[in-house]
Structure formats: structure tokens, C-alpha cells
């Protein structure tokens, strides 16, 4: 029917660019998936570092998050300059937070017995 055709065209316009199945065919899809992955890992970092106080895992996890976010910024730069500029401060902060996490872990280790 004509109504379903109109609805289908509007639906396709709204979801254009978002894959219906897992696919890594374009920079846009890679950026969306890598951003989602870093967001999930970012939500794991806070309870790991502050909640159960496992500082030895906080630094490597923050480094992994910064690396994935760097990849996200790179993929986003192929698609949208504005999005890249908006993600850049997050990458800078995440890199600094990674450095802080490694430093806090190193400073809080018990002294070596000799």
C-alpha cells in the first residue's frame, strides 16, 4: 500500500548508516562499534578502579580504552569532521586518565623487600 511505502521510506531515512546486522564494511560502522566498545569498557573502569580498588587493572584498562577511542577518532575523521572535533577532548582526557591510573598503581604498590 502507499502508506506502508511512505513509512518504509521514512524508516530507511532515519536508520540510514546504522547496520541491521554486525558488519564492519564502512568507517562509519567501525566508528559506531568501536565507540560502543569503549563506552562499555569505560563503564567497567569506574567500579574496577574505585569500587573494588583493583588499581593494577585500572591502568591497562584505561590504556585499552584510550587506544580504542583513538581508533574511533581515526575512523570518525573519515566520516565527519565535527564529530572528530567533539571526540578529541574525550581522547585527550582518557589518555591523561590512563597516565594517572598507571601512576596511582605504581605509587601505591608495596615496597619491594630485599
PDB file of N, CA and C in Angstrom:
ATOM      1  N   UNK A   1       0.841  -1.192   0.000  1.00  0.00           N
ATOM      2  CA  UNK A   1       0.000   0.000   0.000  1.00  0.00           C
ATOM      3  C   UNK A   1       0.879   1.245   0.000  1.00  0.00           C
ATOM      4  N   UNK A   2       0.305   2.342  -0.320  1.00  0.00           N
ATOM      5  CA  UNK A   2       1.047   3.606  -0.397  1.00  0.00           C
ATOM      6  C   UNK A   2       1.518   4.044   0.986  1.00  0.00           C
ATOM      7  N   UNK A   3       0.687   3.830   1.997  1.00  0.00           N
ATOM      8  CA  UNK A   3       1.058   4.245   3.359  1.00  0.00           C
ATOM      9  C   UNK A   3       2.267   3.466   3.858  1.00  0.00           C
ATOM     10  N   UNK A   4       2.304   2.171   3.580  1.00  0.00           N
ATOM     11  CA  UNK A   4       3.455   1.386   4.037  1.00  0.00           C
ATOM     12  C   UNK A   4       4.720   1.771   3.281  1.00  0.00           C
ATOM     13  N   UNK A   5       4.575   2.164   2.008  1.00  0.00           N
ATOM     14  CA  UNK A   5       5.741   2.621   1.249  1.00  0.00           C
ATOM     15  C   UNK A   5       6.303   3.909   1.830  1.00  0.00           C
ATOM     16  N   UNK A   6       5.419   4.838   2.178  1.00  0.00           N
ATOM     17  CA  UNK A   6       5.862   6.099   2.786  1.00  0.00           C
ATOM     18  C   UNK A   6       6.541   5.815   4.119  1.00  0.00           C
ATOM     19  N   UNK A   7       5.922   4.976   4.938  1.00  0.00           N
ATOM     20  CA  UNK A   7       6.511   4.634   6.235  1.00  0.00           C
ATOM     21  C   UNK A   7       7.878   3.984   6.042  1.00  0.00           C
ATOM     22  N   UNK A   8       7.992   3.075   5.099  1.00  0.00           N
ATOM     23  CA  UNK A   8       9.249   2.377   4.858  1.00  0.00           C
ATOM     24  C   UNK A   8      10.335   3.355   4.411  1.00  0.00           C
ATOM     25  N   UNK A   9      10.000   4.295   3.521  1.00  0.00           N
ATOM     26  CA  UNK A   9      10.994   5.289   3.086  1.00  0.00           C
ATOM     27  C   UNK A   9      11.440   6.164   4.247  1.00  0.00           C
ATOM     28  N   UNK A  10      10.501   6.589   5.106  1.00  0.00           N
ATOM     29  CA  UNK A  10      10.865   7.418   6.261  1.00  0.00           C
ATOM     30  C   UNK A  10      11.713   6.616   7.248  1.00  0.00           C
ATOM     31  N   UNK A  11      11.357   5.356   7.458  1.00  0.00           N
ATOM     32  CA  UNK A  11      12.128   4.499   8.361  1.00  0.00           C
ATOM     33  C   UNK A  11      13.550   4.332   7.832  1.00  0.00           C
ATOM     34  N   UNK A  12      13.677   4.085   6.521  1.00  0.00           N
ATOM     35  CA  UNK A  12      15.001   3.908   5.930  1.00  0.00           C
ATOM     36  C   UNK A  12      15.841   5.175   6.053  1.00  0.00           C
ATOM     37  N   UNK A  13      15.226   6.354   5.917  1.00  0.00           N
ATOM     38  CA  UNK A  13      15.952   7.607   6.070  1.00  0.00           C
ATOM     39  C   UNK A  13      16.458   7.777   7.490  1.00  0.00           C
ATOM     40  N   UNK A  14      15.662   7.389   8.474  1.00  0.00           N
ATOM     41  CA  UNK A  14      16.053   7.549   9.874  1.00  0.00           C
ATOM     42  C   UNK A  14      17.185   6.621  10.279  1.00  0.00           C
ATOM     43  N   UNK A  15      17.204   5.421   9.763  1.00  0.00           N
ATOM     44  CA  UNK A  15      18.196   4.442  10.199  1.00  0.00           C
ATOM     45  C   UNK A  15      19.344   4.274   9.222  1.00  0.00           C
ATOM     46  N   UNK A  16      19.388   5.122   8.206  1.00  0.00           N
ATOM     47  CA  UNK A  16      20.480   5.026   7.224  1.00  0.00           C
ATOM     48  C   UNK A  16      21.818   5.189   7.952  1.00  0.00           C
ATOM     49  N   UNK A  17      22.722   4.330   7.666  1.00  0.00           N
ATOM     50  CA  UNK A  17      24.030   4.404   8.302  1.00  0.00           C
ATOM     51  C   UNK A  17      24.161   3.477   9.499  1.00  0.00           C
ATOM     52  N   UNK A  18      23.045   2.989  10.026  1.00  0.00           N
ATOM     53  CA  UNK A  18      23.113   2.056  11.135  1.00  0.00           C
ATOM     54  C   UNK A  18      22.830   0.665  10.599  1.00  0.00           C
ATOM     55  N   UNK A  19      23.786  -0.240  10.743  1.00  0.00           N
ATOM     56  CA  UNK A  19      23.634  -1.563  10.135  1.00  0.00           C
ATOM     57  C   UNK A  19      22.569  -2.393  10.837  1.00  0.00           C
ATOM     58  N   UNK A  20      21.895  -3.231  10.050  1.00  0.00           N
ATOM     59  CA  UNK A  20      20.889  -4.107  10.637  1.00  0.00           C
ATOM     60  C   UNK A  20      21.529  -5.371  11.196  1.00  0.00           C
ATOM     61  N   UNK A  21      22.729  -5.673  10.782  1.00  0.00           N
ATOM     62  CA  UNK A  21      23.449  -6.810  11.341  1.00  0.00           C
ATOM     63  C   UNK A  21      24.903  -6.390  11.544  1.00  0.00           C
ATOM     64  N   UNK A  22      25.648  -7.188  12.264  1.00  0.00           N
ATOM     65  CA  UNK A  22      27.032  -6.847  12.560  1.00  0.00           C
ATOM     66  C   UNK A  22      27.846  -6.856  11.280  1.00  0.00           C
ATOM     67  N   UNK A  23      28.359  -5.700  10.948  1.00  0.00           N
ATOM     68  CA  UNK A  23      29.139  -5.560   9.736  1.00  0.00           C
ATOM     69  C   UNK A  23      30.177  -4.470   9.956  1.00  0.00           C
ATOM     70  N   UNK A  24      31.351  -4.661   9.407  1.00  0.00           N
ATOM     71  CA  UNK A  24      32.416  -3.678   9.541  1.00  0.00           C
ATOM     72  C   UNK A  24      32.861  -3.201   8.164  1.00  0.00           C
ATOM     73  N   UNK A  25      31.884  -2.856   7.323  1.00  0.00           N
ATOM     74  CA  UNK A  25      32.177  -2.514   5.940  1.00  0.00           C
ATOM     75  C   UNK A  25      32.575  -1.057   5.730  1.00  0.00           C
ATOM     76  N   UNK A  26      32.213  -0.168   6.638  1.00  0.00           N
ATOM     77  CA  UNK A  26      32.477   1.244   6.387  1.00  0.00           C
ATOM     78  C   UNK A  26      33.108   1.891   7.615  1.00  0.00           C
ATOM     79  N   UNK A  27      33.795   3.014   7.437  1.00  0.00           N
ATOM     80  CA  UNK A  27      34.366   3.732   8.584  1.00  0.00           C
ATOM     81  C   UNK A  27      33.300   4.154   9.587  1.00  0.00           C
ATOM     82  N   UNK A  28      32.102   4.483   9.094  1.00  0.00           N
ATOM     83  CA  UNK A  28      31.021   4.892   9.995  1.00  0.00           C
ATOM     84  C   UNK A  28      30.622   3.745  10.923  1.00  0.00           C
ATOM     85  N   UNK A  29      30.489   2.562  10.364  1.00  0.00           N
ATOM     86  CA  UNK A  29      30.127   1.408  11.181  1.00  0.00           C
ATOM     87  C   UNK A  29      31.251   1.063  12.154  1.00  0.00           C
ATOM     88  N   UNK A  30      32.483   1.121  11.691  1.00  0.00           N
ATOM     89  CA  UNK A  30      33.612   0.864  12.587  1.00  0.00           C
ATOM     90  C   UNK A  30      33.640   1.870  13.726  1.00  0.00           C
ATOM     91  N   UNK A  31      33.368   3.130  13.411  1.00  0.00           N
ATOM     92  CA  UNK A  31      33.361   4.166  14.443  1.00  0.00           C
ATOM     93  C   UNK A  31      32.261   3.918  15.471  1.00  0.00           C
ATOM     94  N   UNK A  32      31.082   3.538  15.006  1.00  0.00           N
ATOM     95  CA  UNK A  32      29.964   3.280  15.920  1.00  0.00           C
ATOM     96  C   UNK A  32      30.276   2.091  16.818  1.00  0.00           C
ATOM     97  N   UNK A  33      30.794   1.010  16.245  1.00  0.00           N
ATOM     98  CA  UNK A  33      31.097  -0.174  17.048  1.00  0.00           C
ATOM     99  C   UNK A  33      32.248   0.075  18.016  1.00  0.00           C
ATOM    100  N   UNK A  34      33.295   0.756  17.570  1.00  0.00           N
ATOM    101  CA  UNK A  34      34.423   0.994  18.471  1.00  0.00           C
ATOM    102  C   UNK A  34      34.036   1.982  19.567  1.00  0.00           C
ATOM    103  N   UNK A  35      33.190   2.970  19.257  1.00  0.00           N
ATOM    104  CA  UNK A  35      32.714   3.879  20.301  1.00  0.00           C
ATOM    105  C   UNK A  35      31.894   3.111  21.329  1.00  0.00           C
ATOM    106  N   UNK A  36      31.043   2.206  20.857  1.00  0.00           N
ATOM    107  CA  UNK A  36      30.227   1.399  21.779  1.00  0.00           C
ATOM    108  C   UNK A  36      31.103   0.532  22.670  1.00  0.00           C
ATOM    109  N   UNK A  37      32.141  -0.074  22.094  1.00  0.00           N
ATOM    110  CA  UNK A  37      33.050  -0.914  22.874  1.00  0.00           C
ATOM    111  C   UNK A  37      33.773  -0.101  23.933  1.00  0.00           C
ATOM    112  N   UNK A  38      34.292   1.081  23.575  1.00  0.00           N
ATOM    113  CA  UNK A  38      34.997   1.881  24.563  1.00  0.00           C
ATOM    114  C   UNK A  38      34.040   2.379  25.638  1.00  0.00           C
ATOM    115  N   UNK A  39      32.780   2.622  25.277  1.00  0.00           N
ATOM    116  CA  UNK A  39      31.796   3.061  26.262  1.00  0.00           C
ATOM    117  C   UNK A  39      31.518   1.953  27.282  1.00  0.00           C
ATOM    118  N   UNK A  40      31.403   0.724  26.815  1.00  0.00           N
ATOM    119  CA  UNK A  40      31.199  -0.413  27.724  1.00  0.00           C
ATOM    120  C   UNK A  40      32.402  -0.573  28.646  1.00  0.00           C
ATOM    121  N   UNK A  41      33.609  -0.529  28.081  1.00  0.00           N
ATOM    122  CA  UNK A  41      34.818  -0.656  28.899  1.00  0.00           C
ATOM    123  C   UNK A  41      34.954   0.504  29.867  1.00  0.00           C
ATOM    124  N   UNK A  42      34.542   1.692  29.444  1.00  0.00           N
ATOM    125  CA  UNK A  42      34.594   2.857  30.309  1.00  0.00           C
ATOM    126  C   UNK A  42      33.692   2.670  31.530  1.00  0.00           C
ATOM    127  N   UNK A  43      32.534   2.055  31.317  1.00  0.00           N
ATOM    128  CA  UNK A  43      31.631   1.791  32.437  1.00  0.00           C
ATOM    129  C   UNK A  43      32.181   0.712  33.372  1.00  0.00           C
ATOM    130  N   UNK A  44      33.049  -0.153  32.889  1.00  0.00           N
ATOM    131  CA  UNK A  44      33.672  -1.163  33.744  1.00  0.00           C
ATOM    132  C   UNK A  44      34.830  -0.589  34.559  1.00  0.00           C
ATOM    133  N   UNK A  45      35.472   0.457  34.041  1.00  0.00           N
ATOM    134  CA  UNK A  45      36.666   1.006  34.682  1.00  0.00           C
ATOM    135  C   UNK A  45      36.359   1.585  36.056  1.00  0.00           C
ATOM    136  N   UNK A  46      35.283   2.351  36.204  1.00  0.00           N
ATOM    137  CA  UNK A  46      34.985   3.023  37.469  1.00  0.00           C
ATOM    138  C   UNK A  46      34.788   2.038  38.617  1.00  0.00           C
ATOM    139  N   UNK A  47      33.929   1.017  38.488  1.00  0.00           N
ATOM    140  CA  UNK A  47      33.798   0.089  39.609  1.00  0.00           C
ATOM    141  C   UNK A  47      35.071  -0.728  39.855  1.00  0.00           C
ATOM    142  N   UNK A  48      35.815  -1.009  38.802  1.00  0.00           N
ATOM    143  CA  UNK A  48      37.057  -1.761  38.953  1.00  0.00           C
ATOM    144  C   UNK A  48      38.094  -0.944  39.718  1.00  0.00           C
ATOM    145  N   UNK A  49      38.261   0.301  39.350  1.00  0.00           N
ATOM    146  CA  UNK A  49      39.305   1.142  39.926  1.00  0.00           C
ATOM    147  C   UNK A  49      38.879   1.688  41.290  1.00  0.00           C
ATOM    148  N   UNK A  50      37.678   2.230  41.400  1.00  0.00           N
ATOM    149  CA  UNK A  50      37.237   2.851  42.644  1.00  0.00           C
ATOM    150  C   UNK A  50      36.450   1.903  43.539  1.00  0.00           C
ATOM    151  N   UNK A  51      35.624   1.041  42.925  1.00  0.00           N
ATOM    152  CA  UNK A  51      34.755   0.171  43.708  1.00  0.00           C
ATOM    153  C   UNK A  51      35.500  -0.934  44.427  1.00  0.00           C
ATOM    154  N   UNK A  52      36.182  -1.786  43.668  1.00  0.00           N
ATOM    155  CA  UNK A  52      36.896  -2.908  44.302  1.00  0.00           C
ATOM    156  C   UNK A  52      38.379  -2.619  44.448  1.00  0.00           C
ATOM    157  N   UNK A  53      38.793  -1.403  44.056  1.00  0.00           N
ATOM    158  CA  UNK A  53      40.153  -0.900  44.253  1.00  0.00           C
ATOM    159  C   UNK A  53      41.237  -1.813  43.675  1.00  0.00           C
ATOM    160  N   UNK A  54      40.998  -2.221  42.449  1.00  0.00           N
ATOM    161  CA  UNK A  54      41.992  -3.028  41.738  1.00  0.00           C
ATOM    162  C   UNK A  54      42.777  -2.113  40.810  1.00  0.00           C
ATOM    163  N   UNK A  55      43.666  -1.327  41.417  1.00  0.00           N
ATOM    164  CA  UNK A  55      44.408  -0.336  40.645  1.00  0.00           C
ATOM    165  C   UNK A  55      45.341  -0.977  39.626  1.00  0.00           C
ATOM    166  N   UNK A  56      45.757  -2.216  39.866  1.00  0.00           N
ATOM    167  CA  UNK A  56      46.657  -2.857  38.913  1.00  0.00           C
ATOM    168  C   UNK A  56      45.968  -3.174  37.588  1.00  0.00           C
ATOM    169  N   UNK A  57      44.646  -3.211  37.585  1.00  0.00           N
ATOM    170  CA  UNK A  57      43.901  -3.418  36.347  1.00  0.00           C
ATOM    171  C   UNK A  57      43.390  -2.112  35.762  1.00  0.00           C
ATOM    172  N   UNK A  58      43.325  -1.068  36.579  1.00  0.00           N
ATOM    173  CA  UNK A  58      42.796   0.218  36.125  1.00  0.00           C
ATOM    174  C   UNK A  58      43.635   0.852  35.035  1.00  0.00           C
ATOM    175  N   UNK A  59      44.954   0.818  35.187  1.00  0.00           N
ATOM    176  CA  UNK A  59      45.844   1.419  34.194  1.00  0.00           C
ATOM    177  C   UNK A  59      45.764   0.742  32.842  1.00  0.00           C
ATOM    178  N   UNK A  60      45.937  -0.581  32.787  1.00  0.00           N
ATOM    179  CA  UNK A  60      45.825  -1.252  31.484  1.00  0.00           C
ATOM    180  C   UNK A  60      44.443  -1.093  30.836  1.00  0.00           C
ATOM    181  N   UNK A  61      43.388  -1.124  31.650  1.00  0.00           N
ATOM    182  CA  UNK A  61      42.054  -0.947  31.085  1.00  0.00           C
ATOM    183  C   UNK A  61      41.890   0.470  30.535  1.00  0.00           C
ATOM    184  N   UNK A  62      42.383   1.462  31.266  1.00  0.00           N
ATOM    185  CA  UNK A  62      42.309   2.843  30.779  1.00  0.00           C
ATOM    186  C   UNK A  62      43.143   3.004  29.502  1.00  0.00           C
ATOM    187  N   UNK A  63      44.290   2.333  29.435  1.00  0.00           N
ATOM    188  CA  UNK A  63      45.098   2.373  28.211  1.00  0.00           C
ATOM    189  C   UNK A  63      44.371   1.740  27.038  1.00  0.00           C
ATOM    190  N   UNK A  64      43.682   0.630  27.296  1.00  0.00           N
ATOM    191  CA  UNK A  64      42.898  -0.019  26.242  1.00  0.00           C
ATOM    192  C   UNK A  64      41.766   0.892  25.772  1.00  0.00           C
ATOM    193  N   UNK A  65      41.104   1.538  26.720  1.00  0.00           N
ATOM    194  CA  UNK A  65      40.024   2.465  26.378  1.00  0.00           C
ATOM    195  C   UNK A  65      40.557   3.608  25.513  1.00  0.00           C
ATOM    196  N   UNK A  66      41.706   4.169  25.900  1.00  0.00           N
ATOM    197  CA  UNK A  66      42.302   5.267  25.128  1.00  0.00           C
ATOM    198  C   UNK A  66      42.687   4.804  23.729  1.00  0.00           C
ATOM    199  N   UNK A  67      43.200   3.596  23.614  1.00  0.00           N
ATOM    200  CA  UNK A  67      43.575   3.066  22.299  1.00  0.00           C
ATOM    201  C   UNK A  67      42.349   2.889  21.410  1.00  0.00           C
ATOM    202  N   UNK A  68      41.293   2.301  21.961  1.00  0.00           N
ATOM    203  CA  UNK A  68      40.058   2.110  21.188  1.00  0.00           C
ATOM    204  C   UNK A  68      39.449   3.460  20.824  1.00  0.00           C
ATOM    205  N   UNK A  69      39.516   4.406  21.744  1.00  0.00           N
ATOM    206  CA  UNK A  69      38.984   5.733  21.457  1.00  0.00           C
ATOM    207  C   UNK A  69      39.807   6.428  20.370  1.00  0.00           C
ATOM    208  N   UNK A  70      41.117   6.234  20.375  1.00  0.00           N
ATOM    209  CA  UNK A  70      41.956   6.768  19.309  1.00  0.00           C
ATOM    210  C   UNK A  70      41.557   6.195  17.957  1.00  0.00           C
ATOM    211  N   UNK A  71      41.278   4.895  17.919  1.00  0.00           N
ATOM    212  CA  UNK A  71      40.800   4.247  16.693  1.00  0.00           C
ATOM    213  C   UNK A  71      39.454   4.835  16.276  1.00  0.00           C
ATOM    214  N   UNK A  72      38.583   5.081  17.268  1.00  0.00           N
ATOM    215  CA  UNK A  72      37.273   5.669  16.990  1.00  0.00           C
ATOM    216  C   UNK A  72      37.423   7.056  16.371  1.00  0.00           C
ATOM    217  N   UNK A  73      38.310   7.865  16.939  1.00  0.00           N
ATOM    218  CA  UNK A  73      38.541   9.210  16.401  1.00  0.00           C
ATOM    219  C   UNK A  73      39.082   9.118  14.971  1.00  0.00           C
ATOM    220  N   UNK A  74      39.981   8.189  14.739  1.00  0.00           N
ATOM    221  CA  UNK A  74      40.533   7.998  13.398  1.00  0.00           C
ATOM    222  C   UNK A  74      39.436   7.623  12.397  1.00  0.00           C
ATOM    223  N   UNK A  75      38.583   6.663  12.755  1.00  0.00           N
ATOM    224  CA  UNK A  75      37.506   6.249  11.859  1.00  0.00           C
ATOM    225  C   UNK A  75      36.491   7.373  11.665  1.00  0.00           C
ATOM    226  N   UNK A  76      36.216   8.118  12.737  1.00  0.00           N
ATOM    227  CA  UNK A  76      35.267   9.219  12.651  1.00  0.00           C
ATOM    228  C   UNK A  76      35.796  10.320  11.748  1.00  0.00           C
ATOM    229  N   UNK A  77      37.112  10.514  11.737  1.00  0.00           N
ATOM    230  CA  UNK A  77      37.693  11.569  10.900  1.00  0.00           C
ATOM    231  C   UNK A  77      37.454  11.310   9.412  1.00  0.00           C
ATOM    232  N   UNK A  78      37.217  10.065   9.055  1.00  0.00           N
ATOM    233  CA  UNK A  78      36.920   9.732   7.664  1.00  0.00           C
ATOM    234  C   UNK A  78      35.485  10.061   7.284  1.00  0.00           C
ATOM    235  N   UNK A  79      34.629  10.271   8.310  1.00  0.00           N
ATOM    236  CA  UNK A  79      33.209  10.436   8.064  1.00  0.00           C
ATOM    237  C   UNK A  79      32.719  11.853   8.366  1.00  0.00           C
ATOM    238  N   UNK A  80      33.116  12.398   9.536  1.00  0.00           N
ATOM    239  CA  UNK A  80      32.518  13.657   9.991  1.00  0.00           C
ATOM    240  C   UNK A  80      33.530  14.464  10.802  1.00  0.00           C
ATOM    241  N   UNK A  81      33.891  15.629  10.302  1.00  0.00           N
ATOM    242  CA  UNK A  81      34.882  16.474  10.968  1.00  0.00           C
ATOM    243  C   UNK A  81      34.374  16.985  12.316  1.00  0.00           C
ATOM    244  N   UNK A  82      33.111  17.348  12.387  1.00  0.00           N
ATOM    245  CA  UNK A  82      32.546  17.863  13.636  1.00  0.00           C
ATOM    246  C   UNK A  82      32.594  16.807  14.727  1.00  0.00           C
ATOM    247  N   UNK A  83      32.215  15.587  14.404  1.00  0.00           N
ATOM    248  CA  UNK A  83      32.262  14.505  15.379  1.00  0.00           C
ATOM    249  C   UNK A  83      33.693  14.250  15.845  1.00  0.00           C
ATOM    250  N   UNK A  84      34.638  14.354  14.924  1.00  0.00           N
ATOM    251  CA  UNK A  84      36.046  14.175  15.283  1.00  0.00           C
ATOM    252  C   UNK A  84      36.488  15.240  16.266  1.00  0.00           C
ATOM    253  N   UNK A  85      36.112  16.483  15.995  1.00  0.00           N
ATOM    254  CA  UNK A  85      36.475  17.577  16.903  1.00  0.00           C
ATOM    255  C   UNK A  85      35.812  17.421  18.268  1.00  0.00           C
ATOM    256  N   UNK A  86      34.611  16.898  18.296  1.00  0.00           N
ATOM    257  CA  UNK A  86      33.921  16.696  19.572  1.00  0.00           C
ATOM    258  C   UNK A  86      34.495  15.524  20.364  1.00  0.00           C
ATOM    259  N   UNK A  87      35.043  14.526  19.681  1.00  0.00           N
ATOM    260  CA  UNK A  87      35.630  13.374  20.361  1.00  0.00           C
ATOM    261  C   UNK A  87      37.063  13.630  20.830  1.00  0.00           C
ATOM    262  N   UNK A  88      37.736  14.592  20.229  1.00  0.00           N
ATOM    263  CA  UNK A  88      39.147  14.831  20.550  1.00  0.00           C
ATOM    264  C   UNK A  88      39.400  15.176  22.019  1.00  0.00           C
ATOM    265  N   UNK A  89      38.595  16.042  22.659  1.00  0.00           N
ATOM    266  CA  UNK A  89      38.830  16.284  24.093  1.00  0.00           C
ATOM    267  C   UNK A  89      38.634  15.028  24.946  1.00  0.00           C
ATOM    268  N   UNK A  90      37.695  14.176  24.545  1.00  0.00           N
ATOM    269  CA  UNK A  90      37.499  12.918  25.273  1.00  0.00           C
ATOM    270  C   UNK A  90      38.736  12.036  25.158  1.00  0.00           C
ATOM    271  N   UNK A  91      39.328  11.989  23.978  1.00  0.00           N
ATOM    272  CA  UNK A  91      40.551  11.221  23.789  1.00  0.00           C
ATOM    273  C   UNK A  91      41.686  11.792  24.635  1.00  0.00           C
ATOM    274  N   UNK A  92      41.809  13.121  24.669  1.00  0.00           N
ATOM    275  CA  UNK A  92      42.854  13.751  25.486  1.00  0.00           C
ATOM    276  C   UNK A  92      42.650  13.428  26.962  1.00  0.00           C
ATOM    277  N   UNK A  93      41.421  13.542  27.446  1.00  0.00           N
ATOM    278  CA  UNK A  93      41.152  13.254  28.852  1.00  0.00           C
ATOM    279  C   UNK A  93      41.379  11.779  29.168  1.00  0.00           C
ATOM    280  N   UNK A  94      40.945  10.895  28.302  1.00  0.00           N
ATOM    281  CA  UNK A  94      41.109   9.464  28.537  1.00  0.00           C
ATOM    282  C   UNK A  94      42.591   9.089  28.550  1.00  0.00           C
ATOM    283  N   UNK A  95      43.379   9.705  27.695  1.00  0.00           N
ATOM    284  CA  UNK A  95      44.823   9.450  27.699  1.00  0.00           C
ATOM    285  C   UNK A  95      45.455   9.931  29.007  1.00  0.00           C
ATOM    286  N   UNK A  96      45.043  11.099  29.469  1.00  0.00           N
ATOM    287  CA  UNK A  96      45.549  11.615  30.740  1.00  0.00           C
ATOM    288  C   UNK A  96      45.099  10.729  31.905  1.00  0.00           C
ATOM    289  N   UNK A  97      43.844  10.285  31.880  1.00  0.00           N
ATOM    290  CA  UNK A  97      43.330   9.394  32.927  1.00  0.00           C
ATOM    291  C   UNK A  97      44.085   8.069  32.932  1.00  0.00           C
ATOM    292  N   UNK A  98      44.480   7.604  31.769  1.00  0.00           N
ATOM    293  CA  UNK A  98      45.282   6.386  31.678  1.00  0.00           C
ATOM    294  C   UNK A  98      46.632   6.591  32.365  1.00  0.00           C
ATOM    295  N   UNK A  99      47.269   7.707  32.074  1.00  0.00           N
ATOM    296  CA  UNK A  99      48.540   8.041  32.729  1.00  0.00           C
ATOM    297  C   UNK A  99      48.361   8.105  34.246  1.00  0.00           C
ATOM    298  N   UNK A 100      47.287   8.760  34.697  1.00  0.00           N
ATOM    299  CA  UNK A 100      47.031   8.854  36.140  1.00  0.00           C
ATOM    300  C   UNK A 100      46.803   7.477  36.758  1.00  0.00           C
ATOM    301  N   UNK A 101      46.073   6.617  36.077  1.00  0.00           N
ATOM    302  CA  UNK A 101      45.795   5.278  36.598  1.00  0.00           C
ATOM    303  C   UNK A 101      47.080   4.474  36.764  1.00  0.00           C
ATOM    304  N   UNK A 102      47.954   4.520  35.756  1.00  0.00           N
ATOM    305  CA  UNK A 102      49.237   3.823  35.869  1.00  0.00           C
ATOM    306  C   UNK A 102      50.073   4.396  37.008  1.00  0.00           C
ATOM    307  N   UNK A 103      50.081   5.726  37.144  1.00  0.00           N
ATOM    308  CA  UNK A 103      50.876   6.374  38.193  1.00  0.00           C
ATOM    309  C   UNK A 103      50.343   6.039  39.579  1.00  0.00           C
ATOM    310  N   UNK A 104      49.030   6.068  39.752  1.00  0.00           N
ATOM    311  CA  UNK A 104      48.436   5.728  41.050  1.00  0.00           C
ATOM    312  C   UNK A 104      48.767   4.294  41.422  1.00  0.00           C
ATOM    313  N   UNK A 105      48.695   3.396  40.459  1.00  0.00           N
ATOM    314  CA  UNK A 105      49.045   2.000  40.746  1.00  0.00           C
ATOM    315  C   UNK A 105      50.510   1.880  41.148  1.00  0.00           C
ATOM    316  N   UNK A 106      51.380   2.545  40.417  1.00  0.00           N
ATOM    317  CA  UNK A 106      52.813   2.445  40.702  1.00  0.00           C
ATOM    318  C   UNK A 106      53.150   3.026  42.095  1.00  0.00           C
ATOM    319  N   UNK A 107      52.513   4.136  42.455  1.00  0.00           N
ATOM    320  CA  UNK A 107      52.790   4.774  43.732  1.00  0.00           C
ATOM    321  C   UNK A 107      52.188   4.031  44.919  1.00  0.00           C
ATOM    322  N   UNK A 108      51.190   3.227  44.687  1.00  0.00           N
ATOM    323  CA  UNK A 108      50.523   2.510  45.778  1.00  0.00           C
ATOM    324  C   UNK A 108      50.958   1.066  45.915  1.00  0.00           C
ATOM    325  N   UNK A 109      51.944   0.659  45.170  1.00  0.00           N
ATOM    326  CA  UNK A 109      52.455  -0.711  45.338  1.00  0.00           C
ATOM    327  C   UNK A 109      53.270  -0.792  46.612  1.00  0.00           C
ATOM    328  N   UNK A 110      53.216  -1.920  47.296  1.00  0.00           N
ATOM    329  CA  UNK A 110      54.050  -2.071  48.496  1.00  0.00           C
ATOM    330  C   UNK A 110      55.529  -2.069  48.115  1.00  0.00           C
ATOM    331  N   UNK A 111      56.373  -1.569  48.983  1.00  0.00           N
ATOM    332  CA  UNK A 111      57.806  -1.548  48.679  1.00  0.00           C
ATOM    333  C   UNK A 111      58.359  -2.976  48.552  1.00  0.00           C
ATOM    334  N   UNK A 112      59.337  -3.114  47.669  1.00  0.00           N
ATOM    335  CA  UNK A 112      59.965  -4.423  47.479  1.00  0.00           C
ATOM    336  C   UNK A 112      60.860  -4.746  48.649  1.00  0.00           C
ATOM    337  N   UNK A 113      60.795  -5.995  49.098  1.00  0.00           N
ATOM    338  CA  UNK A 113      61.671  -6.455  50.184  1.00  0.00           C
ATOM    339  C   UNK A 113      62.941  -7.007  49.584  1.00  0.00           C
ATOM    340  N   UNK A 114      64.049  -6.596  50.133  1.00  0.00           N
ATOM    341  CA  UNK A 114      65.323  -7.066  49.601  1.00  0.00           C
ATOM    342  C   UNK A 114      66.103  -7.804  50.642  1.00  0.00           C
TER     343      UNK A 114
END
